Each structure stands twice: as C-alpha cells, then as structure tokens.
PDB file of N, CA and C in Angstrom:
ATOM      1  N   UNK A   1     -20.106  -2.373  -1.526  1.00  0.00           N
ATOM      2  CA  UNK A   1     -19.118  -3.172  -2.226  1.00  0.00           C
ATOM      3  C   UNK A   1     -18.034  -3.591  -1.218  1.00  0.00           C
ATOM      4  N   UNK A   2     -17.711  -4.863  -1.204  1.00  0.00           N
ATOM      5  CA  UNK A   2     -16.692  -5.377  -0.298  1.00  0.00           C
ATOM      6  C   UNK A   2     -15.452  -5.715  -1.106  1.00  0.00           C
ATOM      7  N   UNK A   3     -14.383  -5.037  -0.778  1.00  0.00           N
ATOM      8  CA  UNK A   3     -13.109  -5.359  -1.414  1.00  0.00           C
ATOM      9  C   UNK A   3     -12.294  -6.186  -0.441  1.00  0.00           C
ATOM     10  N   UNK A   4     -11.387  -6.955  -0.968  1.00  0.00           N
ATOM     11  CA  UNK A   4     -10.599  -7.872  -0.145  1.00  0.00           C
ATOM     12  C   UNK A   4      -9.165  -7.373  -0.034  1.00  0.00           C
ATOM     13  N   UNK A   5      -8.974  -6.318   0.759  1.00  0.00           N
ATOM     14  CA  UNK A   5      -7.633  -5.779   0.962  1.00  0.00           C
ATOM     15  C   UNK A   5      -6.709  -6.816   1.564  1.00  0.00           C
ATOM     16  N   UNK A   6      -7.279  -7.681   2.389  1.00  0.00           N
ATOM     17  CA  UNK A   6      -6.461  -8.710   3.026  1.00  0.00           C
ATOM     18  C   UNK A   6      -5.828  -9.646   1.994  1.00  0.00           C
ATOM     19  N   UNK A   7      -6.552  -9.920   0.909  1.00  0.00           N
ATOM     20  CA  UNK A   7      -5.998 -10.793  -0.133  1.00  0.00           C
ATOM     21  C   UNK A   7      -4.884 -10.111  -0.908  1.00  0.00           C
ATOM     22  N   UNK A   8      -5.000  -8.819  -1.122  1.00  0.00           N
ATOM     23  CA  UNK A   8      -3.934  -8.074  -1.798  1.00  0.00           C
ATOM     24  C   UNK A   8      -2.668  -8.109  -0.943  1.00  0.00           C
ATOM     25  N   UNK A   9      -2.827  -7.846   0.342  1.00  0.00           N
ATOM     26  CA  UNK A   9      -1.673  -7.854   1.247  1.00  0.00           C
ATOM     27  C   UNK A   9      -1.098  -9.258   1.395  1.00  0.00           C
ATOM     28  N   UNK A  10      -1.954 -10.251   1.387  1.00  0.00           N
ATOM     29  CA  UNK A  10      -1.484 -11.644   1.466  1.00  0.00           C
ATOM     30  C   UNK A  10      -0.661 -11.997   0.235  1.00  0.00           C
ATOM     31  N   UNK A  11      -1.071 -11.499  -0.934  1.00  0.00           N
ATOM     32  CA  UNK A  11      -0.304 -11.758  -2.160  1.00  0.00           C
ATOM     33  C   UNK A  11       1.097 -11.147  -2.060  1.00  0.00           C
ATOM     34  N   UNK A  12       1.201  -9.951  -1.515  1.00  0.00           N
ATOM     35  CA  UNK A  12       2.526  -9.342  -1.320  1.00  0.00           C
ATOM     36  C   UNK A  12       3.375 -10.197  -0.379  1.00  0.00           C
ATOM     37  N   UNK A  13       2.748 -10.713   0.683  1.00  0.00           N
ATOM     38  CA  UNK A  13       3.482 -11.532   1.640  1.00  0.00           C
ATOM     39  C   UNK A  13       3.950 -12.841   0.996  1.00  0.00           C
ATOM     40  N   UNK A  14       3.095 -13.474   0.216  1.00  0.00           N
ATOM     41  CA  UNK A  14       3.465 -14.726  -0.457  1.00  0.00           C
ATOM     42  C   UNK A  14       4.607 -14.485  -1.433  1.00  0.00           C
ATOM     43  N   UNK A  15       4.515 -13.430  -2.221  1.00  0.00           N
ATOM     44  CA  UNK A  15       5.599 -13.140  -3.168  1.00  0.00           C
ATOM     45  C   UNK A  15       6.899 -12.820  -2.430  1.00  0.00           C
ATOM     46  N   UNK A  16       6.789 -12.117  -1.327  1.00  0.00           N
ATOM     47  CA  UNK A  16       7.976 -11.786  -0.539  1.00  0.00           C
ATOM     48  C   UNK A  16       8.666 -13.056  -0.042  1.00  0.00           C
ATOM     49  N   UNK A  17       7.891 -13.982   0.461  1.00  0.00           N
ATOM     50  CA  UNK A  17       8.457 -15.228   0.985  1.00  0.00           C
ATOM     51  C   UNK A  17       8.973 -16.141  -0.123  1.00  0.00           C
ATOM     52  N   UNK A  18       8.459 -15.973  -1.346  1.00  0.00           N
ATOM     53  CA  UNK A  18       8.858 -16.850  -2.447  1.00  0.00           C
ATOM     54  C   UNK A  18      10.280 -16.569  -2.934  1.00  0.00           C
ATOM     55  N   UNK A  19      10.757 -15.374  -2.731  1.00  0.00           N
ATOM     56  CA  UNK A  19      12.095 -15.024  -3.210  1.00  0.00           C
ATOM     57  C   UNK A  19      13.149 -15.384  -2.171  1.00  0.00           C
ATOM     58  N   UNK A  20      14.314 -15.810  -2.629  1.00  0.00           N
ATOM     59  CA  UNK A  20      15.394 -16.113  -1.684  1.00  0.00           C
ATOM     60  C   UNK A  20      15.756 -14.877  -0.865  1.00  0.00           C
ATOM     61  N   UNK A  21      16.136 -15.082   0.372  1.00  0.00           N
ATOM     62  CA  UNK A  21      16.422 -14.002   1.313  1.00  0.00           C
ATOM     63  C   UNK A  21      17.373 -12.935   0.764  1.00  0.00           C
ATOM     64  N   UNK A  22      18.464 -13.293   0.083  1.00  0.00           N
ATOM     65  CA  UNK A  22      19.372 -12.230  -0.390  1.00  0.00           C
ATOM     66  C   UNK A  22      18.781 -11.348  -1.498  1.00  0.00           C
ATOM     67  N   UNK A  23      17.726 -11.832  -2.141  1.00  0.00           N
ATOM     68  CA  UNK A  23      17.157 -11.090  -3.270  1.00  0.00           C
ATOM     69  C   UNK A  23      15.906 -10.305  -2.929  1.00  0.00           C
ATOM     70  N   UNK A  24      15.471 -10.356  -1.701  1.00  0.00           N
ATOM     71  CA  UNK A  24      14.216  -9.679  -1.363  1.00  0.00           C
ATOM     72  C   UNK A  24      14.449  -8.519  -0.401  1.00  0.00           C
ATOM     73  N   UNK A  25      13.454  -7.658  -0.366  1.00  0.00           N
ATOM     74  CA  UNK A  25      13.475  -6.502   0.521  1.00  0.00           C
ATOM     75  C   UNK A  25      12.131  -6.415   1.232  1.00  0.00           C
ATOM     76  N   UNK A  26      12.104  -5.773   2.368  1.00  0.00           N
ATOM     77  CA  UNK A  26      10.862  -5.611   3.116  1.00  0.00           C
ATOM     78  C   UNK A  26      10.070  -4.379   2.675  1.00  0.00           C
ATOM     79  N   UNK A  27      10.621  -3.581   1.789  1.00  0.00           N
ATOM     80  CA  UNK A  27       9.957  -2.340   1.368  1.00  0.00           C
ATOM     81  C   UNK A  27       8.541  -2.580   0.836  1.00  0.00           C
ATOM     82  N   UNK A  28       8.312  -3.573  -0.047  1.00  0.00           N
ATOM     83  CA  UNK A  28       6.931  -3.776  -0.519  1.00  0.00           C
ATOM     84  C   UNK A  28       5.967  -4.133   0.605  1.00  0.00           C
ATOM     85  N   UNK A  29       6.455  -4.869   1.594  1.00  0.00           N
ATOM     86  CA  UNK A  29       5.579  -5.225   2.715  1.00  0.00           C
ATOM     87  C   UNK A  29       5.218  -4.011   3.554  1.00  0.00           C
ATOM     88  N   UNK A  30       6.129  -3.067   3.663  1.00  0.00           N
ATOM     89  CA  UNK A  30       5.847  -1.849   4.437  1.00  0.00           C
ATOM     90  C   UNK A  30       4.958  -0.882   3.652  1.00  0.00           C
ATOM     91  N   UNK A  31       5.114  -0.825   2.339  1.00  0.00           N
ATOM     92  CA  UNK A  31       4.392   0.155   1.539  1.00  0.00           C
ATOM     93  C   UNK A  31       3.044  -0.341   1.020  1.00  0.00           C
ATOM     94  N   UNK A  32       2.878  -1.655   0.894  1.00  0.00           N
ATOM     95  CA  UNK A  32       1.625  -2.160   0.331  1.00  0.00           C
ATOM     96  C   UNK A  32       0.388  -1.782   1.158  1.00  0.00           C
ATOM     97  N   UNK A  33       0.433  -1.781   2.506  1.00  0.00           N
ATOM     98  CA  UNK A  33      -0.759  -1.323   3.236  1.00  0.00           C
ATOM     99  C   UNK A  33      -1.102   0.138   2.951  1.00  0.00           C
ATOM    100  N   UNK A  34      -0.095   0.972   2.782  1.00  0.00           N
ATOM    101  CA  UNK A  34      -0.346   2.382   2.470  1.00  0.00           C
ATOM    102  C   UNK A  34      -0.991   2.498   1.086  1.00  0.00           C
ATOM    103  N   UNK A  35      -0.475   1.743   0.121  1.00  0.00           N
ATOM    104  CA  UNK A  35      -1.047   1.791  -1.229  1.00  0.00           C
ATOM    105  C   UNK A  35      -2.486   1.287  -1.243  1.00  0.00           C
ATOM    106  N   UNK A  36      -2.758   0.249  -0.465  1.00  0.00           N
ATOM    107  CA  UNK A  36      -4.124  -0.264  -0.372  1.00  0.00           C
ATOM    108  C   UNK A  36      -5.037   0.794   0.236  1.00  0.00           C
ATOM    109  N   UNK A  37      -4.553   1.496   1.263  1.00  0.00           N
ATOM    110  CA  UNK A  37      -5.348   2.565   1.864  1.00  0.00           C
ATOM    111  C   UNK A  37      -5.612   3.699   0.870  1.00  0.00           C
ATOM    112  N   UNK A  38      -4.614   4.031   0.061  1.00  0.00           N
ATOM    113  CA  UNK A  38      -4.804   5.091  -0.937  1.00  0.00           C
ATOM    114  C   UNK A  38      -5.849   4.677  -1.972  1.00  0.00           C
ATOM    115  N   UNK A  39      -5.825   3.404  -2.358  1.00  0.00           N
ATOM    116  CA  UNK A  39      -6.846   2.919  -3.296  1.00  0.00           C
ATOM    117  C   UNK A  39      -8.231   2.963  -2.650  1.00  0.00           C
ATOM    118  N   UNK A  40      -8.309   2.611  -1.362  1.00  0.00           N
ATOM    119  CA  UNK A  40      -9.586   2.693  -0.651  1.00  0.00           C
ATOM    120  C   UNK A  40     -10.049   4.145  -0.536  1.00  0.00           C
ATOM    121  N   UNK A  41      -9.102   5.049  -0.330  1.00  0.00           N
ATOM    122  CA  UNK A  41      -9.440   6.479  -0.280  1.00  0.00           C
ATOM    123  C   UNK A  41     -10.059   6.938  -1.594  1.00  0.00           C
ATOM    124  N   UNK A  42      -9.518   6.470  -2.704  1.00  0.00           N
ATOM    125  CA  UNK A  42     -10.068   6.849  -4.009  1.00  0.00           C
ATOM    126  C   UNK A  42     -11.530   6.418  -4.129  1.00  0.00           C
ATOM    127  N   UNK A  43     -11.825   5.193  -3.675  1.00  0.00           N
ATOM    128  CA  UNK A  43     -13.203   4.701  -3.730  1.00  0.00           C
ATOM    129  C   UNK A  43     -14.100   5.487  -2.773  1.00  0.00           C
ATOM    130  N   UNK A  44     -13.603   5.761  -1.571  1.00  0.00           N
ATOM    131  CA  UNK A  44     -14.394   6.501  -0.588  1.00  0.00           C
ATOM    132  C   UNK A  44     -14.660   7.931  -1.041  1.00  0.00           C
ATOM    133  N   UNK A  45     -13.677   8.536  -1.709  1.00  0.00           N
ATOM    134  CA  UNK A  45     -13.850   9.911  -2.193  1.00  0.00           C
ATOM    135  C   UNK A  45     -14.982   9.983  -3.212  1.00  0.00           C
ATOM    136  N   UNK A  46     -15.100   8.942  -4.036  1.00  0.00           N
ATOM    137  CA  UNK A  46     -16.173   8.922  -5.044  1.00  0.00           C
ATOM    138  C   UNK A  46     -17.547   8.838  -4.388  1.00  0.00           C
ATOM    139  N   UNK A  47     -17.627   8.124  -3.267  1.00  0.00           N
ATOM    140  CA  UNK A  47     -18.911   7.916  -2.597  1.00  0.00           C
ATOM    141  C   UNK A  47     -19.255   9.061  -1.651  1.00  0.00           C
ATOM    142  N   UNK A  48     -18.300   9.426  -0.786  1.00  0.00           N
ATOM    143  CA  UNK A  48     -18.600  10.371   0.289  1.00  0.00           C
ATOM    144  C   UNK A  48     -18.091  11.780   0.044  1.00  0.00           C
ATOM    145  N   UNK A  49     -17.136  11.932  -0.854  1.00  0.00           N
ATOM    146  CA  UNK A  49     -16.565  13.246  -1.103  1.00  0.00           C
ATOM    147  C   UNK A  49     -15.266  13.456  -0.339  1.00  0.00           C
ATOM    148  N   UNK A  50     -14.527  14.431  -0.788  1.00  0.00           N
ATOM    149  CA  UNK A  50     -13.189  14.701  -0.244  1.00  0.00           C
ATOM    150  C   UNK A  50     -13.237  15.181   1.204  1.00  0.00           C
ATOM    151  N   UNK A  51     -14.149  16.072   1.524  1.00  0.00           N
ATOM    152  CA  UNK A  51     -14.228  16.627   2.882  1.00  0.00           C
ATOM    153  C   UNK A  51     -14.580  15.559   3.905  1.00  0.00           C
ATOM    154  N   UNK A  52     -15.574  14.734   3.597  1.00  0.00           N
ATOM    155  CA  UNK A  52     -15.988  13.691   4.541  1.00  0.00           C
ATOM    156  C   UNK A  52     -14.857  12.681   4.750  1.00  0.00           C
ATOM    157  N   UNK A  53     -14.156  12.344   3.689  1.00  0.00           N
ATOM    158  CA  UNK A  53     -13.044  11.404   3.810  1.00  0.00           C
ATOM    159  C   UNK A  53     -11.930  11.998   4.667  1.00  0.00           C
ATOM    160  N   UNK A  54     -11.610  13.261   4.460  1.00  0.00           N
ATOM    161  CA  UNK A  54     -10.568  13.915   5.257  1.00  0.00           C
ATOM    162  C   UNK A  54     -10.948  13.926   6.736  1.00  0.00           C
ATOM    163  N   UNK A  55     -12.219  14.216   7.039  1.00  0.00           N
ATOM    164  CA  UNK A  55     -12.670  14.207   8.436  1.00  0.00           C
ATOM    165  C   UNK A  55     -12.541  12.810   9.038  1.00  0.00           C
ATOM    166  N   UNK A  56     -12.870  11.784   8.259  1.00  0.00           N
ATOM    167  CA  UNK A  56     -12.775  10.414   8.753  1.00  0.00           C
ATOM    168  C   UNK A  56     -11.317  10.020   9.017  1.00  0.00           C
ATOM    169  N   UNK A  57     -10.418  10.418   8.132  1.00  0.00           N
ATOM    170  CA  UNK A  57      -8.995  10.099   8.322  1.00  0.00           C
ATOM    171  C   UNK A  57      -8.472  10.767   9.588  1.00  0.00           C
ATOM    172  N   UNK A  58      -8.840  12.028   9.795  1.00  0.00           N
ATOM    173  CA  UNK A  58      -8.403  12.748  10.997  1.00  0.00           C
ATOM    174  C   UNK A  58      -8.981  12.091  12.246  1.00  0.00           C
ATOM    175  N   UNK A  59     -10.253  11.714  12.201  1.00  0.00           N
ATOM    176  CA  UNK A  59     -10.896  11.096  13.368  1.00  0.00           C
ATOM    177  C   UNK A  59     -10.242   9.762  13.722  1.00  0.00           C
ATOM    178  N   UNK A  60      -9.818   9.013  12.721  1.00  0.00           N
ATOM    179  CA  UNK A  60      -9.235   7.693  12.955  1.00  0.00           C
ATOM    180  C   UNK A  60      -7.727   7.726  13.179  1.00  0.00           C
ATOM    181  N   UNK A  61      -7.097   8.840  12.885  1.00  0.00           N
ATOM    182  CA  UNK A  61      -5.634   8.908  12.950  1.00  0.00           C
ATOM    183  C   UNK A  61      -5.084   8.575  14.324  1.00  0.00           C
ATOM    184  N   UNK A  62      -5.758   8.980  15.367  1.00  0.00           N
ATOM    185  CA  UNK A  62      -5.255   8.723  16.710  1.00  0.00           C
ATOM    186  C   UNK A  62      -5.805   7.456  17.334  1.00  0.00           C
ATOM    187  N   UNK A  63      -6.726   6.798  16.658  1.00  0.00           N
ATOM    188  CA  UNK A  63      -7.352   5.609  17.218  1.00  0.00           C
ATOM    189  C   UNK A  63      -6.437   4.394  17.078  1.00  0.00           C
ATOM    190  N   UNK A  64      -6.594   3.470  17.995  1.00  0.00           N
ATOM    191  CA  UNK A  64      -5.829   2.221  17.929  1.00  0.00           C
ATOM    192  C   UNK A  64      -6.364   1.370  16.782  1.00  0.00           C
ATOM    193  N   UNK A  65      -5.451   0.738  16.071  1.00  0.00           N
ATOM    194  CA  UNK A  65      -5.820  -0.145  14.966  1.00  0.00           C
ATOM    195  C   UNK A  65      -5.637  -1.578  15.425  1.00  0.00           C
ATOM    196  N   UNK A  66      -6.672  -2.410  15.295  1.00  0.00           N
ATOM    197  CA  UNK A  66      -6.527  -3.807  15.699  1.00  0.00           C
ATOM    198  C   UNK A  66      -5.432  -4.507  14.891  1.00  0.00           C
ATOM    199  N   UNK A  67      -4.772  -5.473  15.497  1.00  0.00           N
ATOM    200  CA  UNK A  67      -3.725  -6.220  14.804  1.00  0.00           C
ATOM    201  C   UNK A  67      -4.297  -6.859  13.550  1.00  0.00           C
ATOM    202  N   UNK A  68      -3.570  -6.734  12.462  1.00  0.00           N
ATOM    203  CA  UNK A  68      -3.998  -7.326  11.202  1.00  0.00           C
ATOM    204  C   UNK A  68      -4.981  -6.490  10.410  1.00  0.00           C
ATOM    205  N   UNK A  69      -5.381  -5.348  10.952  1.00  0.00           N
ATOM    206  CA  UNK A  69      -6.337  -4.484  10.256  1.00  0.00           C
ATOM    207  C   UNK A  69      -5.611  -3.281   9.688  1.00  0.00           C
ATOM    208  N   UNK A  70      -6.182  -2.718   8.660  1.00  0.00           N
ATOM    209  CA  UNK A  70      -5.628  -1.493   8.092  1.00  0.00           C
ATOM    210  C   UNK A  70      -6.226  -0.310   8.836  1.00  0.00           C
ATOM    211  N   UNK A  71      -5.523   0.770   8.846  1.00  0.00           N
ATOM    212  CA  UNK A  71      -6.031   1.965   9.504  1.00  0.00           C
ATOM    213  C   UNK A  71      -5.233   3.167   9.090  1.00  0.00           C
ATOM    214  N   UNK A  72      -5.651   4.329   9.533  1.00  0.00           N
ATOM    215  CA  UNK A  72      -4.984   5.568   9.151  1.00  0.00           C
ATOM    216  C   UNK A  72      -3.536   5.565   9.599  1.00  0.00           C
ATOM    217  N   UNK A  73      -3.300   5.265  10.873  1.00  0.00           N
ATOM    218  CA  UNK A  73      -1.953   5.138  11.403  1.00  0.00           C
ATOM    219  C   UNK A  73      -0.978   6.196  10.943  1.00  0.00           C
ATOM    220  N   UNK A  74       0.240   5.794  10.673  1.00  0.00           N
ATOM    221  CA  UNK A  74       1.292   6.732  10.304  1.00  0.00           C
ATOM    222  C   UNK A  74       1.115   7.274   8.891  1.00  0.00           C
ATOM    223  N   UNK A  75       0.254   6.675   8.110  1.00  0.00           N
ATOM    224  CA  UNK A  75       0.037   7.135   6.741  1.00  0.00           C
ATOM    225  C   UNK A  75      -1.016   8.240   6.662  1.00  0.00           C
ATOM    226  N   UNK A  76      -1.572   8.651   7.790  1.00  0.00           N
ATOM    227  CA  UNK A  76      -2.641   9.651   7.776  1.00  0.00           C
ATOM    228  C   UNK A  76      -2.184  10.943   7.102  1.00  0.00           C
ATOM    229  N   UNK A  77      -0.972  11.386   7.401  1.00  0.00           N
ATOM    230  CA  UNK A  77      -0.487  12.630   6.809  1.00  0.00           C
ATOM    231  C   UNK A  77      -0.348  12.501   5.293  1.00  0.00           C
ATOM    232  N   UNK A  78       0.170  11.389   4.842  1.00  0.00           N
ATOM    233  CA  UNK A  78       0.311  11.150   3.393  1.00  0.00           C
ATOM    234  C   UNK A  78      -1.063  11.156   2.734  1.00  0.00           C
ATOM    235  N   UNK A  79      -2.009  10.500   3.370  1.00  0.00           N
ATOM    236  CA  UNK A  79      -3.352  10.423   2.808  1.00  0.00           C
ATOM    237  C   UNK A  79      -4.019  11.790   2.762  1.00  0.00           C
ATOM    238  N   UNK A  80      -3.850  12.591   3.826  1.00  0.00           N
ATOM    239  CA  UNK A  80      -4.451  13.928   3.860  1.00  0.00           C
ATOM    240  C   UNK A  80      -3.802  14.857   2.837  1.00  0.00           C
ATOM    241  N   UNK A  81      -2.482  14.774   2.698  1.00  0.00           N
ATOM    242  CA  UNK A  81      -1.804  15.608   1.698  1.00  0.00           C
ATOM    243  C   UNK A  81      -2.267  15.248   0.296  1.00  0.00           C
ATOM    244  N   UNK A  82      -2.491  13.977   0.072  1.00  0.00           N
ATOM    245  CA  UNK A  82      -2.966  13.541  -1.247  1.00  0.00           C
ATOM    246  C   UNK A  82      -4.363  14.098  -1.510  1.00  0.00           C
ATOM    247  N   UNK A  83      -5.208  14.113  -0.482  1.00  0.00           N
ATOM    248  CA  UNK A  83      -6.545  14.696  -0.639  1.00  0.00           C
ATOM    249  C   UNK A  83      -6.472  16.202  -0.862  1.00  0.00           C
ATOM    250  N   UNK A  84      -5.566  16.858  -0.133  1.00  0.00           N
ATOM    251  CA  UNK A  84      -5.422  18.312  -0.267  1.00  0.00           C
ATOM    252  C   UNK A  84      -5.008  18.686  -1.682  1.00  0.00           C
ATOM    253  N   UNK A  85      -4.074  17.905  -2.229  1.00  0.00           N
ATOM    254  CA  UNK A  85      -3.605  18.182  -3.585  1.00  0.00           C
ATOM    255  C   UNK A  85      -4.666  17.859  -4.625  1.00  0.00           C
ATOM    256  N   UNK A  86      -5.663  17.063  -4.204  1.00  0.00           N
ATOM    257  CA  UNK A  86      -6.757  16.671  -5.096  1.00  0.00           C
ATOM    258  C   UNK A  86      -6.239  16.097  -6.408  1.00  0.00           C
ATOM    259  N   UNK A  87      -5.191  15.321  -6.322  1.00  0.00           N
ATOM    260  CA  UNK A  87      -4.681  14.656  -7.514  1.00  0.00           C
ATOM    261  C   UNK A  87      -5.450  13.370  -7.711  1.00  0.00           C
ATOM    262  N   UNK A  88      -6.132  13.314  -8.776  1.00  0.00           N
ATOM    263  CA  UNK A  88      -6.913  12.119  -9.068  1.00  0.00           C
ATOM    264  C   UNK A  88      -6.168  11.292 -10.108  1.00  0.00           C
ATOM    265  N   UNK A  89      -5.826  10.078  -9.737  1.00  0.00           N
ATOM    266  CA  UNK A  89      -5.085   9.249 -10.681  1.00  0.00           C
ATOM    267  C   UNK A  89      -5.962   8.862 -11.866  1.00  0.00           C
ATOM    268  N   UNK A  90      -5.316   8.632 -12.975  1.00  0.00           N
ATOM    269  CA  UNK A  90      -6.029   8.145 -14.142  1.00  0.00           C
ATOM    270  C   UNK A  90      -6.674   6.826 -13.770  1.00  0.00           C
ATOM    271  N   UNK A  91      -7.824   6.517 -14.316  1.00  0.00           N
ATOM    272  CA  UNK A  91      -8.542   5.307 -13.906  1.00  0.00           C
ATOM    273  C   UNK A  91      -7.773   4.032 -14.187  1.00  0.00           C
ATOM    274  N   UNK A  92      -6.789   4.078 -15.083  1.00  0.00           N
ATOM    275  CA  UNK A  92      -5.983   2.889 -15.380  1.00  0.00           C
ATOM    276  C   UNK A  92      -4.689   2.869 -14.576  1.00  0.00           C
ATOM    277  N   UNK A  93      -4.404   3.896 -13.811  1.00  0.00           N
ATOM    278  CA  UNK A  93      -3.126   3.968 -13.088  1.00  0.00           C
ATOM    279  C   UNK A  93      -2.975   2.831 -12.081  1.00  0.00           C
ATOM    280  N   UNK A  94      -3.995   2.547 -11.310  1.00  0.00           N
ATOM    281  CA  UNK A  94      -3.915   1.481 -10.318  1.00  0.00           C
ATOM    282  C   UNK A  94      -3.732   0.106 -10.938  1.00  0.00           C
ATOM    283  N   UNK A  95      -4.643  -0.289 -11.850  1.00  0.00           N
ATOM    284  CA  UNK A  95      -4.484  -1.607 -12.469  1.00  0.00           C
ATOM    285  C   UNK A  95      -3.185  -1.743 -13.269  1.00  0.00           C
ATOM    286  N   UNK A  96      -2.778  -0.670 -13.932  1.00  0.00           N
ATOM    287  CA  UNK A  96      -1.534  -0.734 -14.698  1.00  0.00           C
ATOM    288  C   UNK A  96      -0.333  -0.891 -13.767  1.00  0.00           C
ATOM    289  N   UNK A  97      -0.320  -0.159 -12.664  1.00  0.00           N
ATOM    290  CA  UNK A  97       0.763  -0.294 -11.691  1.00  0.00           C
ATOM    291  C   UNK A  97       0.808  -1.690 -11.112  1.00  0.00           C
ATOM    292  N   UNK A  98      -0.350  -2.251 -10.824  1.00  0.00           N
ATOM    293  CA  UNK A  98      -0.408  -3.608 -10.296  1.00  0.00           C
ATOM    294  C   UNK A  98       0.138  -4.612 -11.300  1.00  0.00           C
ATOM    295  N   UNK A  99      -0.254  -4.480 -12.554  1.00  0.00           N
ATOM    296  CA  UNK A  99       0.227  -5.412 -13.585  1.00  0.00           C
ATOM    297  C   UNK A  99       1.745  -5.309 -13.759  1.00  0.00           C
ATOM    298  N   UNK A 100       2.264  -4.099 -13.794  1.00  0.00           N
ATOM    299  CA  UNK A 100       3.713  -3.916 -13.936  1.00  0.00           C
ATOM    300  C   UNK A 100       4.431  -4.524 -12.736  1.00  0.00           C
ATOM    301  N   UNK A 101       3.907  -4.300 -11.553  1.00  0.00           N
ATOM    302  CA  UNK A 101       4.523  -4.859 -10.344  1.00  0.00           C
ATOM    303  C   UNK A 101       4.531  -6.379 -10.380  1.00  0.00           C
ATOM    304  N   UNK A 102       3.421  -6.955 -10.797  1.00  0.00           N
ATOM    305  CA  UNK A 102       3.361  -8.413 -10.867  1.00  0.00           C
ATOM    306  C   UNK A 102       4.344  -8.975 -11.891  1.00  0.00           C
ATOM    307  N   UNK A 103       4.463  -8.325 -13.043  1.00  0.00           N
ATOM    308  CA  UNK A 103       5.408  -8.790 -14.053  1.00  0.00           C
ATOM    309  C   UNK A 103       6.830  -8.704 -13.522  1.00  0.00           C
ATOM    310  N   UNK A 104       7.159  -7.595 -12.869  1.00  0.00           N
ATOM    311  CA  UNK A 104       8.512  -7.423 -12.329  1.00  0.00           C
ATOM    312  C   UNK A 104       8.801  -8.470 -11.256  1.00  0.00           C
ATOM    313  N   UNK A 105       7.806  -8.787 -10.446  1.00  0.00           N
ATOM    314  CA  UNK A 105       8.011  -9.760  -9.379  1.00  0.00           C
ATOM    315  C   UNK A 105       7.972 -11.207  -9.863  1.00  0.00           C
ATOM    316  N   UNK A 106       7.107 -11.504 -10.806  1.00  0.00           N
ATOM    317  CA  UNK A 106       6.892 -12.889 -11.208  1.00  0.00           C
ATOM    318  C   UNK A 106       7.809 -13.319 -12.349  1.00  0.00           C
ATOM    319  N   UNK A 107       8.175 -12.433 -13.235  1.00  0.00           N
ATOM    320  CA  UNK A 107       8.982 -12.810 -14.404  1.00  0.00           C
ATOM    321  C   UNK A 107      10.285 -13.511 -14.025  1.00  0.00           C
ATOM    322  N   UNK A 108      11.021 -13.045 -13.015  1.00  0.00           N
ATOM    323  CA  UNK A 108      12.269 -13.741 -12.689  1.00  0.00           C
ATOM    324  C   UNK A 108      12.071 -15.011 -11.861  1.00  0.00           C
ATOM    325  N   UNK A 109      10.852 -15.314 -11.424  1.00  0.00           N
ATOM    326  CA  UNK A 109      10.619 -16.448 -10.530  1.00  0.00           C
ATOM    327  C   UNK A 109      11.090 -17.785 -11.101  1.00  0.00           C
ATOM    328  N   UNK A 110      10.800 -18.130 -12.358  1.00  0.00           N
ATOM    329  CA  UNK A 110      11.280 -19.429 -12.856  1.00  0.00           C
ATOM    330  C   UNK A 110      12.802 -19.543 -12.818  1.00  0.00           C
ATOM    331  N   UNK A 111      13.479 -18.467 -13.147  1.00  0.00           N
ATOM    332  CA  UNK A 111      14.937 -18.507 -13.116  1.00  0.00           C
ATOM    333  C   UNK A 111      15.443 -18.635 -11.680  1.00  0.00           C
ATOM    334  N   UNK A 112      14.806 -17.945 -10.754  1.00  0.00           N
ATOM    335  CA  UNK A 112      15.224 -18.005  -9.351  1.00  0.00           C
ATOM    336  C   UNK A 112      14.877 -19.350  -8.718  1.00  0.00           C
ATOM    337  N   UNK A 113      13.815 -19.987  -9.198  1.00  0.00           N
ATOM    338  CA  UNK A 113      13.396 -21.261  -8.638  1.00  0.00           C
ATOM    339  C   UNK A 113      14.316 -22.410  -9.072  1.00  0.00           C
ATOM    340  N   UNK A 114      15.057 -22.232 -10.153  1.00  0.00           N
ATOM    341  CA  UNK A 114      15.948 -23.277 -10.667  1.00  0.00           C
ATOM    342  C   UNK A 114      17.264 -23.206  -9.908  1.00  0.00           C
ATOM    343  N   UNK A 115      17.587 -24.223  -9.102  1.00  0.00           N
ATOM    344  CA  UNK A 115      18.814 -24.173  -8.306  1.00  0.00           C
ATOM    345  C   UNK A 115      20.086 -24.084  -9.155  1.00  0.00           C
ATOM    346  N   UNK A 116      20.034 -24.538 -10.391  1.00  0.00           N
ATOM    347  CA  UNK A 116      21.215 -24.475 -11.256  1.00  0.00           C
ATOM    348  C   UNK A 116      21.604 -23.034 -11.566  1.00  0.00           C
ATOM    349  N   UNK A 117      20.614 -22.123 -11.626  1.00  0.00           N
ATOM    350  CA  UNK A 117      20.922 -20.709 -11.947  1.00  0.00           C
ATOM    351  C   UNK A 117      21.527 -19.992 -10.759  1.00  0.00           C
ATOM    352  N   UNK A 118      21.223 -20.437  -9.559  1.00  0.00           N
ATOM    353  CA  UNK A 118      21.760 -19.773  -8.366  1.00  0.00           C
ATOM    354  C   UNK A 118      23.218 -20.134  -8.108  1.00  0.00           C
ATOM    355  N   UNK A 119      23.640 -21.294  -8.573  1.00  0.00           N
ATOM    356  CA  UNK A 119      25.030 -21.701  -8.330  1.00  0.00           C
ATOM    357  C   UNK A 119      25.998 -21.183  -9.372  1.00  0.00           C
ATOM    358  N   UNK A 120      25.494 -20.670 -10.482  1.00  0.00           N
ATOM    359  CA  UNK A 120      26.400 -20.174 -11.526  1.00  0.00           C
ATOM    360  C   UNK A 120      26.766 -18.730 -11.349  1.00  0.00           C
TER     361      UNK A 120
END
C-alpha cells in the first residue's frame, strides 16, 4: 500500500501560507512530519510487529535523511517511547483529529480572506 505522506505535508504547507503572517505559527509545520511518522508507525506495527518496527527506527535514527524525505531523525525517541508504552490509538482517533484540525484551520478562512474584516 502506498500512502502519500508528501500530500499531507503539502496540505499543511498550503494552509500555513494561506493565513496572514500575524495569524499563523510554524508549529504545525514542525509537528506534522512527526505526526505523519506516527501514523506510518501504526501501519507498520500492524504489518511487521512492534519489535521489528522498533529495530528499524533504531537502525535509521542515526542515518542521514535525504532533503524532503521523512525519517526517524529527532523524533526517534518519541516514536520509540510510544512503541514502548504500546498505546494503540482508537481506529477513529487519526481521522477524527484530522477532521477537527481541518475545521479549525478552514472555518475562519472566509472571514480572514475578506479584507473588510481585517481593517475593522
């Protein structure tokens, strides 16, 4: 199965650029790759198991990550701790979080796009 993590990250970048500079933060851009990796970990755990995934994260943690690619990087410790705790999110947690995030980000867009609302 091929997932398009690049499209998820691109959507975060587009939404980030859509908001006026004083109203936006870089936090979603910094955290979205980690969240995408955690979602990928959930899928990998189902296929390969927790131990194999942990070994892969450790093996890749010190490796160089090509520009524009996702990798273990600085999130390796977070990912390993999550595996150690063996907390399995509810199957609706990811999609529900995504929907809530999109509503929070998109709902104010029409008001922000109207120049009359920014001057008042």
